């Protein structure tokens, strides 16, 4: 095997190995991006799951508050009737003072009901605010995940043109080496003659 063939084989093998190494590196980067994208999507799904649960909890709270409001209204009416019946059954003579006493007792019941309704209204407003925060959190999580995924891209790695260029460079390198080797063999040794 001549020097050209030996150099061509070495240069060609080096070009092919370099090409395969670049392809392997691109494949490793793509696999890492894929795993990272999957992790981002899994995190987003977990955040969405938590948000859905928070919305469900808010709906349950809303139903409980509506039930409490209805029960309070019924309880207040019953208390009004109890107060009026109790005062009438006590045998207190009926008159203006008895009506005032009944009105005061009913007023006390109504003030308690009004206070409870105001607390429910405050809780309803807080619940609406919480739902807006949950929705904004979901929107921000989606935008964050989208920007993380789109912030990186898959790499294509070297193509066949790069391999052809590498092999062409190997050929030229081998040819140059062969030319140098031919020139050194043809050179006549110099003698020490003057």
N, C-alpha and C. Protein backbone atom coordinates (compact mmCIF):
# COMPACT_ATOMS: atom_id res chain seq x y z
N UNK A 1 0.86 -1.16 0.00
CA UNK A 1 0.00 0.00 0.00
C UNK A 1 0.90 1.22 0.00
N UNK A 2 0.60 2.14 -0.88
CA UNK A 2 1.42 3.32 -1.03
C UNK A 2 1.08 4.38 0.01
N UNK A 3 1.89 5.42 0.08
CA UNK A 3 1.65 6.48 1.05
C UNK A 3 0.32 7.20 0.81
N UNK A 4 -0.06 7.35 -0.46
CA UNK A 4 -1.34 8.01 -0.76
C UNK A 4 -2.51 7.21 -0.21
N UNK A 5 -2.51 5.90 -0.46
CA UNK A 5 -3.61 5.05 -0.01
C UNK A 5 -3.69 5.03 1.51
N UNK A 6 -2.52 4.91 2.16
CA UNK A 6 -2.51 4.88 3.62
C UNK A 6 -3.04 6.19 4.20
N UNK A 7 -2.57 7.31 3.63
CA UNK A 7 -3.03 8.61 4.13
C UNK A 7 -4.51 8.80 3.83
N UNK A 8 -4.95 8.36 2.66
CA UNK A 8 -6.36 8.49 2.28
C UNK A 8 -7.24 7.71 3.24
N UNK A 9 -6.84 6.51 3.58
CA UNK A 9 -7.61 5.69 4.53
C UNK A 9 -7.68 6.37 5.90
N UNK A 10 -6.54 6.85 6.37
CA UNK A 10 -6.51 7.51 7.70
C UNK A 10 -7.37 8.77 7.70
N UNK A 11 -7.20 9.60 6.67
CA UNK A 11 -7.98 10.84 6.59
C UNK A 11 -9.47 10.54 6.42
N UNK A 12 -9.80 9.53 5.59
CA UNK A 12 -11.20 9.16 5.35
C UNK A 12 -11.86 8.64 6.61
N UNK A 13 -11.15 7.76 7.33
CA UNK A 13 -11.69 7.23 8.59
C UNK A 13 -11.89 8.37 9.59
N UNK A 14 -10.94 9.28 9.64
CA UNK A 14 -11.06 10.42 10.55
C UNK A 14 -12.28 11.27 10.19
N UNK A 15 -12.52 11.52 8.90
CA UNK A 15 -13.67 12.32 8.46
C UNK A 15 -14.98 11.63 8.81
N UNK A 16 -15.04 10.30 8.57
CA UNK A 16 -16.27 9.54 8.88
C UNK A 16 -16.52 9.53 10.38
N UNK A 17 -15.48 9.31 11.18
CA UNK A 17 -15.65 9.28 12.64
C UNK A 17 -16.07 10.66 13.16
N UNK A 18 -15.51 11.72 12.60
CA UNK A 18 -15.89 13.07 12.99
C UNK A 18 -17.37 13.31 12.67
N UNK A 19 -17.80 12.87 11.48
CA UNK A 19 -19.19 13.02 11.07
C UNK A 19 -20.12 12.25 12.00
N UNK A 20 -19.77 11.02 12.33
CA UNK A 20 -20.59 10.21 13.24
C UNK A 20 -20.62 10.82 14.64
N UNK A 21 -19.51 11.37 15.07
CA UNK A 21 -19.47 12.02 16.39
C UNK A 21 -20.39 13.22 16.44
N UNK A 22 -20.39 14.01 15.36
CA UNK A 22 -21.27 15.17 15.31
C UNK A 22 -22.74 14.74 15.28
N UNK A 23 -23.04 13.66 14.55
CA UNK A 23 -24.41 13.14 14.53
C UNK A 23 -24.83 12.64 15.91
N UNK A 24 -23.93 11.95 16.59
CA UNK A 24 -24.24 11.44 17.93
C UNK A 24 -24.46 12.60 18.91
N UNK A 25 -23.64 13.65 18.79
CA UNK A 25 -23.81 14.82 19.67
C UNK A 25 -25.15 15.50 19.41
N UNK A 26 -25.53 15.62 18.12
CA UNK A 26 -26.82 16.23 17.79
C UNK A 26 -27.97 15.37 18.32
N UNK A 27 -27.85 14.05 18.21
CA UNK A 27 -28.88 13.15 18.72
C UNK A 27 -28.99 13.27 20.24
N UNK A 28 -27.86 13.39 20.92
CA UNK A 28 -27.88 13.54 22.39
C UNK A 28 -28.54 14.86 22.78
N UNK A 29 -28.22 15.94 22.05
CA UNK A 29 -28.86 17.24 22.34
C UNK A 29 -30.37 17.17 22.10
N UNK A 30 -30.77 16.50 21.03
CA UNK A 30 -32.20 16.37 20.73
C UNK A 30 -32.91 15.54 21.79
N UNK A 31 -32.26 14.47 22.25
CA UNK A 31 -32.87 13.64 23.30
C UNK A 31 -33.01 14.43 24.60
N UNK A 32 -31.99 15.24 24.91
CA UNK A 32 -32.06 16.05 26.13
C UNK A 32 -33.18 17.09 26.02
N UNK A 33 -33.31 17.72 24.85
CA UNK A 33 -34.40 18.69 24.65
C UNK A 33 -35.74 18.01 24.78
N UNK A 34 -35.89 16.81 24.21
CA UNK A 34 -37.15 16.08 24.28
C UNK A 34 -37.51 15.78 25.74
N UNK A 35 -36.52 15.31 26.52
CA UNK A 35 -36.78 15.01 27.94
C UNK A 35 -37.14 16.28 28.71
N UNK A 36 -36.45 17.39 28.41
CA UNK A 36 -36.74 18.65 29.07
C UNK A 36 -38.14 19.14 28.70
N UNK A 37 -38.51 19.02 27.43
CA UNK A 37 -39.85 19.43 27.00
C UNK A 37 -40.92 18.58 27.68
N UNK A 38 -40.67 17.28 27.79
CA UNK A 38 -41.63 16.41 28.49
C UNK A 38 -41.78 16.80 29.95
N UNK A 39 -40.65 17.14 30.59
CA UNK A 39 -40.71 17.55 32.00
C UNK A 39 -41.50 18.85 32.14
N UNK A 40 -41.31 19.78 31.22
CA UNK A 40 -42.05 21.05 31.26
C UNK A 40 -43.53 20.79 31.08
N UNK A 41 -43.88 19.92 30.13
CA UNK A 41 -45.30 19.61 29.90
C UNK A 41 -45.91 18.90 31.11
N UNK A 42 -45.16 18.00 31.73
CA UNK A 42 -45.66 17.30 32.92
C UNK A 42 -45.90 18.28 34.06
N UNK A 43 -44.97 19.22 34.22
CA UNK A 43 -45.13 20.23 35.27
C UNK A 43 -46.37 21.08 34.99
N UNK A 44 -46.57 21.46 33.72
CA UNK A 44 -47.74 22.26 33.35
C UNK A 44 -49.03 21.48 33.62
N UNK A 45 -49.04 20.20 33.29
CA UNK A 45 -50.23 19.38 33.55
C UNK A 45 -50.51 19.29 35.03
N UNK A 46 -49.47 19.18 35.85
CA UNK A 46 -49.67 19.14 37.31
C UNK A 46 -50.24 20.47 37.81
N UNK A 47 -49.72 21.58 37.27
CA UNK A 47 -50.25 22.89 37.66
C UNK A 47 -51.71 23.03 37.24
N UNK A 48 -52.04 22.57 36.04
CA UNK A 48 -53.43 22.61 35.59
C UNK A 48 -54.32 21.74 36.46
N UNK A 49 -53.81 20.59 36.86
CA UNK A 49 -54.59 19.69 37.72
C UNK A 49 -54.87 20.37 39.06
N UNK A 50 -53.85 21.01 39.62
CA UNK A 50 -54.05 21.74 40.89
C UNK A 50 -55.04 22.88 40.72
N UNK A 51 -54.97 23.57 39.58
CA UNK A 51 -55.90 24.68 39.33
C UNK A 51 -57.33 24.16 39.18
N UNK A 52 -57.49 23.03 38.48
CA UNK A 52 -58.85 22.46 38.35
C UNK A 52 -59.41 22.09 39.72
N UNK A 53 -58.55 21.54 40.59
CA UNK A 53 -59.00 21.19 41.93
C UNK A 53 -59.38 22.44 42.71
N UNK A 54 -58.60 23.51 42.54
CA UNK A 54 -58.91 24.76 43.24
C UNK A 54 -60.24 25.34 42.74
N UNK A 55 -60.50 25.24 41.42
CA UNK A 55 -61.79 25.69 40.88
C UNK A 55 -62.93 24.84 41.45
N UNK A 56 -62.72 23.54 41.54
CA UNK A 56 -63.75 22.65 42.10
C UNK A 56 -64.01 22.99 43.57
N UNK A 57 -62.94 23.27 44.32
CA UNK A 57 -63.11 23.67 45.72
C UNK A 57 -63.88 24.98 45.83
N UNK A 58 -63.59 25.91 44.91
CA UNK A 58 -64.32 27.19 44.91
C UNK A 58 -65.80 26.97 44.61
N UNK A 59 -66.10 26.08 43.68
CA UNK A 59 -67.50 25.78 43.38
C UNK A 59 -68.21 25.17 44.59
N UNK A 60 -67.53 24.27 45.28
CA UNK A 60 -68.11 23.66 46.49
C UNK A 60 -68.36 24.73 47.54
N UNK A 61 -67.40 25.64 47.71
CA UNK A 61 -67.58 26.73 48.68
C UNK A 61 -68.76 27.61 48.30
N UNK A 62 -68.90 27.88 47.01
CA UNK A 62 -70.01 28.72 46.55
C UNK A 62 -71.35 28.04 46.85
N UNK A 63 -71.44 26.75 46.61
CA UNK A 63 -72.68 26.00 46.90
C UNK A 63 -72.95 26.01 48.40
N UNK A 64 -71.90 25.80 49.20
CA UNK A 64 -72.07 25.80 50.67
C UNK A 64 -72.55 27.16 51.17
N UNK A 65 -72.02 28.24 50.57
CA UNK A 65 -72.46 29.58 50.99
C UNK A 65 -73.91 29.82 50.59
N UNK A 66 -74.30 29.35 49.41
CA UNK A 66 -75.70 29.51 48.99
C UNK A 66 -76.62 28.73 49.92
N UNK A 67 -76.20 27.53 50.29
CA UNK A 67 -77.00 26.73 51.24
C UNK A 67 -77.09 27.44 52.59
N UNK A 68 -75.96 27.98 53.06
CA UNK A 68 -75.95 28.67 54.35
C UNK A 68 -76.84 29.90 54.31
N UNK A 69 -76.84 30.62 53.18
CA UNK A 69 -77.69 31.80 53.04
C UNK A 69 -79.16 31.40 53.13
N UNK A 70 -79.52 30.33 52.44
CA UNK A 70 -80.91 29.86 52.46
C UNK A 70 -81.31 29.39 53.85
N UNK A 71 -80.42 28.65 54.50
CA UNK A 71 -80.72 28.16 55.86
C UNK A 71 -80.86 29.32 56.84
N UNK A 72 -80.02 30.33 56.69
CA UNK A 72 -80.08 31.49 57.58
C UNK A 72 -81.40 32.23 57.40
N UNK A 73 -81.85 32.35 56.16
CA UNK A 73 -83.13 33.02 55.91
C UNK A 73 -84.28 32.27 56.57
N UNK A 74 -84.28 30.95 56.43
CA UNK A 74 -85.34 30.13 57.04
C UNK A 74 -85.25 30.23 58.56
N UNK A 75 -84.01 30.13 59.08
CA UNK A 75 -83.81 30.20 60.53
C UNK A 75 -84.27 31.56 61.09
N UNK A 76 -83.97 32.62 60.35
CA UNK A 76 -84.39 33.96 60.80
C UNK A 76 -85.91 34.07 60.84
N UNK A 77 -86.62 33.54 59.82
CA UNK A 77 -88.08 33.59 59.83
C UNK A 77 -88.63 32.78 60.99
N UNK A 78 -88.02 31.60 61.22
CA UNK A 78 -88.47 30.78 62.36
C UNK A 78 -88.25 31.51 63.68
N UNK A 79 -87.12 32.17 63.82
CA UNK A 79 -86.84 32.92 65.06
C UNK A 79 -87.84 34.05 65.24
N UNK A 80 -88.20 34.72 64.16
CA UNK A 80 -89.20 35.78 64.25
C UNK A 80 -90.52 35.22 64.78
N UNK A 81 -90.93 34.07 64.22
CA UNK A 81 -92.20 33.47 64.66
C UNK A 81 -92.11 32.99 66.10
N UNK A 82 -90.95 32.43 66.51
CA UNK A 82 -90.77 31.97 67.89
C UNK A 82 -90.87 33.13 68.87
N UNK A 83 -90.19 34.24 68.52
CA UNK A 83 -90.21 35.40 69.42
C UNK A 83 -91.64 35.91 69.58
N UNK A 84 -92.31 36.06 68.46
CA UNK A 84 -93.68 36.58 68.52
C UNK A 84 -94.57 35.62 69.29
N UNK A 85 -94.43 34.31 69.04
CA UNK A 85 -95.27 33.32 69.74
C UNK A 85 -94.95 33.27 71.22
N UNK A 86 -93.65 33.36 71.54
CA UNK A 86 -93.25 33.29 72.94
C UNK A 86 -93.81 34.48 73.72
N UNK A 87 -93.71 35.63 73.14
CA UNK A 87 -94.21 36.83 73.83
C UNK A 87 -95.73 36.75 73.97
N UNK A 88 -96.43 36.33 72.93
CA UNK A 88 -97.88 36.22 73.00
C UNK A 88 -98.29 35.14 73.97
N UNK A 89 -97.53 34.03 74.03
CA UNK A 89 -97.89 32.92 74.92
C UNK A 89 -97.55 33.23 76.37
N UNK A 90 -96.70 34.22 76.59
CA UNK A 90 -96.29 34.52 77.97
C UNK A 90 -97.41 35.17 78.77
N UNK A 91 -98.43 35.58 78.13
CA UNK A 91 -99.56 36.17 78.84
C UNK A 91 -99.38 37.65 79.10
N UNK A 92 -98.36 38.24 78.53
CA UNK A 92 -98.16 39.68 78.68
C UNK A 92 -99.33 40.36 77.99
N UNK A 93 -99.91 41.34 78.62
CA UNK A 93 -101.03 42.02 77.99
C UNK A 93 -100.61 42.62 76.64
N UNK A 94 -101.49 42.48 75.68
CA UNK A 94 -101.20 42.97 74.32
C UNK A 94 -101.44 44.47 74.28
N UNK A 95 -100.51 45.11 73.59
CA UNK A 95 -100.62 46.56 73.45
C UNK A 95 -99.40 47.07 72.70
N UNK A 96 -99.25 48.41 72.80
CA UNK A 96 -98.15 49.05 72.06
C UNK A 96 -96.80 48.58 72.57
N UNK A 97 -96.61 48.44 73.86
CA UNK A 97 -95.31 48.02 74.41
C UNK A 97 -94.99 46.59 74.02
N UNK A 98 -95.99 45.74 73.93
CA UNK A 98 -95.77 44.35 73.52
C UNK A 98 -95.34 44.33 72.06
N UNK A 99 -95.99 45.14 71.23
CA UNK A 99 -95.59 45.19 69.82
C UNK A 99 -94.17 45.71 69.68
N UNK A 100 -93.80 46.70 70.52
CA UNK A 100 -92.43 47.22 70.50
C UNK A 100 -91.43 46.15 70.92
N UNK A 101 -91.78 45.40 71.93
CA UNK A 101 -90.91 44.33 72.41
C UNK A 101 -90.72 43.27 71.31
N UNK A 102 -91.80 42.91 70.64
CA UNK A 102 -91.72 41.94 69.54
C UNK A 102 -90.87 42.52 68.41
N UNK A 103 -91.06 43.78 68.07
CA UNK A 103 -90.29 44.43 67.01
C UNK A 103 -88.80 44.46 67.35
N UNK A 104 -88.45 44.73 68.61
CA UNK A 104 -87.05 44.76 69.02
C UNK A 104 -86.42 43.37 68.90
N UNK A 105 -87.14 42.35 69.31
CA UNK A 105 -86.62 40.99 69.23
C UNK A 105 -86.43 40.57 67.78
N UNK A 106 -87.42 40.92 66.95
CA UNK A 106 -87.31 40.59 65.53
C UNK A 106 -86.17 41.38 64.90
N UNK A 107 -86.02 42.64 65.29
CA UNK A 107 -84.92 43.47 64.78
C UNK A 107 -83.56 42.88 65.12
N UNK A 108 -83.44 42.35 66.35
CA UNK A 108 -82.18 41.71 66.76
C UNK A 108 -81.89 40.50 65.87
N UNK A 109 -82.91 39.73 65.57
CA UNK A 109 -82.75 38.57 64.70
C UNK A 109 -82.33 39.00 63.30
N UNK A 110 -82.98 40.07 62.80
CA UNK A 110 -82.66 40.55 61.46
C UNK A 110 -81.24 41.12 61.37
N UNK A 111 -80.79 41.79 62.45
CA UNK A 111 -79.42 42.32 62.45
C UNK A 111 -78.40 41.18 62.37
N UNK A 112 -78.66 40.09 63.08
CA UNK A 112 -77.77 38.93 63.01
C UNK A 112 -77.75 38.33 61.61
N UNK A 113 -78.95 38.29 60.98
CA UNK A 113 -79.04 37.76 59.62
C UNK A 113 -78.30 38.67 58.64
N UNK A 114 -78.46 39.99 58.81
CA UNK A 114 -77.79 40.95 57.93
C UNK A 114 -76.27 40.85 58.06
N UNK A 115 -75.79 40.71 59.28
CA UNK A 115 -74.35 40.58 59.51
C UNK A 115 -73.83 39.32 58.83
N UNK A 116 -74.57 38.24 58.95
CA UNK A 116 -74.16 36.99 58.33
C UNK A 116 -74.13 37.13 56.81
N UNK A 117 -75.13 37.81 56.24
CA UNK A 117 -75.18 38.01 54.78
C UNK A 117 -74.00 38.87 54.30
N UNK A 118 -73.63 39.87 55.09
CA UNK A 118 -72.48 40.70 54.72
C UNK A 118 -71.20 39.88 54.73
N UNK A 119 -71.06 38.99 55.72
CA UNK A 119 -69.89 38.10 55.76
C UNK A 119 -69.86 37.18 54.54
N UNK A 120 -71.05 36.68 54.15
CA UNK A 120 -71.12 35.83 52.97
C UNK A 120 -70.76 36.60 51.70
N UNK A 121 -71.20 37.85 51.61
CA UNK A 121 -70.86 38.67 50.45
C UNK A 121 -69.36 38.89 50.37
N UNK A 122 -68.71 39.12 51.52
CA UNK A 122 -67.26 39.31 51.56
C UNK A 122 -66.56 38.01 51.12
N UNK A 123 -67.05 36.89 51.62
CA UNK A 123 -66.45 35.61 51.23
C UNK A 123 -66.66 35.33 49.74
N UNK A 124 -67.81 35.73 49.21
CA UNK A 124 -68.07 35.55 47.77
C UNK A 124 -67.10 36.40 46.96
N UNK A 125 -66.87 37.64 47.39
CA UNK A 125 -65.91 38.50 46.68
C UNK A 125 -64.50 37.92 46.76
N UNK A 126 -64.12 37.40 47.93
CA UNK A 126 -62.81 36.78 48.08
C UNK A 126 -62.69 35.54 47.18
N UNK A 127 -63.77 34.81 47.06
CA UNK A 127 -63.78 33.61 46.22
C UNK A 127 -63.60 33.99 44.75
N UNK A 128 -64.27 35.05 44.32
CA UNK A 128 -64.11 35.52 42.93
C UNK A 128 -62.68 35.98 42.68
N UNK A 129 -62.09 36.67 43.65
CA UNK A 129 -60.70 37.10 43.53
C UNK A 129 -59.77 35.90 43.44
N UNK A 130 -60.02 34.91 44.25
CA UNK A 130 -59.19 33.68 44.24
C UNK A 130 -59.28 32.99 42.88
N UNK A 131 -60.49 32.94 42.31
CA UNK A 131 -60.65 32.30 41.00
C UNK A 131 -59.90 33.08 39.92
N UNK A 132 -59.90 34.41 40.00
CA UNK A 132 -59.12 35.20 39.03
C UNK A 132 -57.63 34.92 39.19
N UNK A 133 -57.16 34.79 40.43
CA UNK A 133 -55.75 34.48 40.67
C UNK A 133 -55.39 33.11 40.11
N UNK A 134 -56.28 32.16 40.28
CA UNK A 134 -56.04 30.81 39.75
C UNK A 134 -55.95 30.87 38.22
N UNK A 135 -56.88 31.58 37.59
CA UNK A 135 -56.88 31.68 36.13
C UNK A 135 -55.61 32.38 35.64
N UNK A 136 -55.21 33.45 36.30
CA UNK A 136 -53.98 34.14 35.92
C UNK A 136 -52.77 33.23 36.10
N UNK A 137 -52.77 32.46 37.18
CA UNK A 137 -51.67 31.51 37.40
C UNK A 137 -51.60 30.47 36.30
N UNK A 138 -52.76 29.99 35.86
CA UNK A 138 -52.79 29.02 34.75
C UNK A 138 -52.27 29.66 33.47
N UNK A 139 -52.71 30.89 33.21
CA UNK A 139 -52.26 31.58 31.99
C UNK A 139 -50.74 31.79 32.02
N UNK A 140 -50.22 32.22 33.16
CA UNK A 140 -48.78 32.46 33.27
C UNK A 140 -47.99 31.16 33.17
N UNK A 141 -48.52 30.08 33.75
CA UNK A 141 -47.83 28.79 33.65
C UNK A 141 -47.76 28.33 32.21
N UNK A 142 -48.85 28.54 31.46
CA UNK A 142 -48.86 28.15 30.05
C UNK A 142 -47.85 28.97 29.25
N UNK A 143 -47.84 30.30 29.47
CA UNK A 143 -46.90 31.15 28.76
C UNK A 143 -45.45 30.81 29.11
N UNK A 144 -45.21 30.51 30.38
CA UNK A 144 -43.86 30.14 30.81
C UNK A 144 -43.42 28.84 30.15
N UNK A 145 -44.30 27.85 30.16
CA UNK A 145 -43.97 26.56 29.53
C UNK A 145 -43.73 26.75 28.03
N UNK A 146 -44.58 27.54 27.40
CA UNK A 146 -44.42 27.78 25.96
C UNK A 146 -43.08 28.44 25.66
N UNK A 147 -42.71 29.45 26.43
CA UNK A 147 -41.44 30.13 26.18
C UNK A 147 -40.25 29.23 26.45
N UNK A 148 -40.35 28.36 27.46
CA UNK A 148 -39.25 27.43 27.73
C UNK A 148 -39.08 26.43 26.59
N UNK A 149 -40.19 25.92 26.09
CA UNK A 149 -40.12 24.93 25.01
C UNK A 149 -39.64 25.58 23.72
N UNK A 150 -40.17 26.76 23.41
CA UNK A 150 -39.78 27.43 22.18
C UNK A 150 -38.41 28.08 22.28
N UNK A 151 -37.88 28.22 23.49
CA UNK A 151 -36.57 28.84 23.69
C UNK A 151 -35.42 27.98 23.20
N UNK A 152 -35.65 26.72 23.04
CA UNK A 152 -34.63 25.82 22.51
C UNK A 152 -35.20 25.12 21.29
N UNK A 153 -34.32 24.64 20.45
CA UNK A 153 -34.79 23.95 19.24
C UNK A 153 -33.98 22.68 19.03
N UNK A 154 -34.55 21.81 18.23
CA UNK A 154 -33.85 20.59 17.88
C UNK A 154 -32.76 20.92 16.87
N UNK A 155 -31.63 20.21 16.97
CA UNK A 155 -30.54 20.43 16.01
C UNK A 155 -30.54 19.30 15.00
N UNK A 156 -30.23 19.67 13.77
CA UNK A 156 -30.29 18.67 12.70
C UNK A 156 -29.02 17.85 12.59
N UNK A 157 -27.90 18.34 13.11
CA UNK A 157 -26.65 17.61 12.98
C UNK A 157 -26.07 17.78 11.58
N UNK A 158 -24.90 17.23 11.35
CA UNK A 158 -24.27 17.38 10.04
C UNK A 158 -24.97 16.52 8.99
N UNK A 159 -25.05 17.04 7.78
CA UNK A 159 -25.68 16.30 6.69
C UNK A 159 -24.64 15.57 5.86
N UNK A 160 -25.13 14.98 4.79
CA UNK A 160 -24.25 14.23 3.89
C UNK A 160 -23.26 15.15 3.18
N UNK A 161 -23.63 16.40 2.99
CA UNK A 161 -22.72 17.34 2.34
C UNK A 161 -21.47 17.52 3.21
N UNK A 162 -21.69 17.62 4.53
CA UNK A 162 -20.54 17.76 5.43
C UNK A 162 -19.62 16.54 5.34
N UNK A 163 -20.23 15.35 5.24
CA UNK A 163 -19.41 14.14 5.09
C UNK A 163 -18.64 14.18 3.78
N UNK A 164 -19.31 14.58 2.69
CA UNK A 164 -18.65 14.66 1.38
C UNK A 164 -17.51 15.66 1.42
N UNK A 165 -17.75 16.81 2.08
CA UNK A 165 -16.68 17.80 2.19
C UNK A 165 -15.51 17.26 3.02
N UNK A 166 -15.83 16.54 4.08
CA UNK A 166 -14.78 15.94 4.91
C UNK A 166 -13.97 14.92 4.13
N UNK A 167 -14.67 14.10 3.34
CA UNK A 167 -13.94 13.11 2.52
C UNK A 167 -13.14 13.80 1.42
N UNK A 168 -13.68 14.86 0.85
CA UNK A 168 -12.93 15.62 -0.17
C UNK A 168 -11.69 16.23 0.43
N UNK A 169 -11.83 16.77 1.64
CA UNK A 169 -10.67 17.34 2.32
C UNK A 169 -9.65 16.24 2.62
N UNK A 170 -10.16 15.05 2.99
CA UNK A 170 -9.24 13.93 3.25
C UNK A 170 -8.49 13.55 1.97
N UNK A 171 -9.19 13.55 0.85
CA UNK A 171 -8.55 13.22 -0.43
C UNK A 171 -7.46 14.24 -0.76
N UNK A 172 -7.80 15.53 -0.59
CA UNK A 172 -6.81 16.57 -0.90
C UNK A 172 -5.61 16.49 0.04
N UNK A 173 -5.89 16.21 1.32
CA UNK A 173 -4.79 16.05 2.28
C UNK A 173 -3.89 14.88 1.92
N UNK A 174 -4.54 13.77 1.52
CA UNK A 174 -3.75 12.59 1.13
C UNK A 174 -2.96 12.86 -0.13
N UNK A 175 -3.57 13.56 -1.08
CA UNK A 175 -2.89 13.90 -2.34
C UNK A 175 -1.69 14.80 -2.06
N UNK A 176 -1.89 15.78 -1.16
CA UNK A 176 -0.79 16.68 -0.81
C UNK A 176 0.34 15.90 -0.14
N UNK A 177 -0.03 15.00 0.75
CA UNK A 177 0.97 14.19 1.44
C UNK A 177 1.73 13.33 0.42
N UNK A 178 0.96 12.74 -0.52
CA UNK A 178 1.60 11.89 -1.53
C UNK A 178 2.56 12.72 -2.39
N UNK A 179 2.16 13.93 -2.73
CA UNK A 179 3.02 14.78 -3.54
C UNK A 179 4.30 15.13 -2.79
N UNK A 180 4.19 15.41 -1.52
CA UNK A 180 5.38 15.72 -0.70
C UNK A 180 6.28 14.50 -0.61
N UNK A 181 5.62 13.33 -0.47
CA UNK A 181 6.42 12.11 -0.35
C UNK A 181 7.15 11.82 -1.67
N UNK A 182 6.47 12.02 -2.80
CA UNK A 182 7.12 11.80 -4.09
C UNK A 182 8.28 12.76 -4.30
N UNK A 183 8.12 13.98 -3.87
CA UNK A 183 9.17 14.98 -4.03
C UNK A 183 10.37 14.67 -3.18
N UNK A 184 10.15 14.12 -1.99
CA UNK A 184 11.28 13.83 -1.11
C UNK A 184 12.04 12.60 -1.59
N UNK A 185 11.38 11.69 -2.29
CA UNK A 185 12.06 10.50 -2.80
C UNK A 185 12.87 10.84 -4.05
N UNK A 186 12.36 11.82 -4.78
CA UNK A 186 13.05 12.18 -6.02
C UNK A 186 14.22 13.11 -5.78
N UNK A 187 14.26 13.74 -4.67
CA UNK A 187 15.34 14.71 -4.42
C UNK A 187 16.68 13.98 -4.33
N UNK A 188 17.66 14.57 -4.93
CA UNK A 188 18.99 13.96 -4.92
C UNK A 188 19.71 14.39 -3.65
N UNK A 189 20.36 13.45 -3.02
CA UNK A 189 21.10 13.83 -1.81
C UNK A 189 22.25 14.76 -2.17
N UNK A 190 22.41 15.74 -1.35
CA UNK A 190 23.50 16.70 -1.56
C UNK A 190 24.78 16.12 -0.97
N UNK A 191 25.83 16.35 -1.65
CA UNK A 191 27.13 15.86 -1.16
C UNK A 191 27.92 17.07 -0.67
N UNK A 192 28.89 16.80 0.04
CA UNK A 192 29.68 17.88 0.61
C UNK A 192 30.69 18.44 -0.35
N UNK A 193 30.50 18.35 -1.68
CA UNK A 193 31.47 18.88 -2.64
C UNK A 193 31.33 20.39 -2.74
N UNK A 194 32.48 21.03 -2.95
CA UNK A 194 32.50 22.48 -3.06
C UNK A 194 32.56 22.95 -4.47
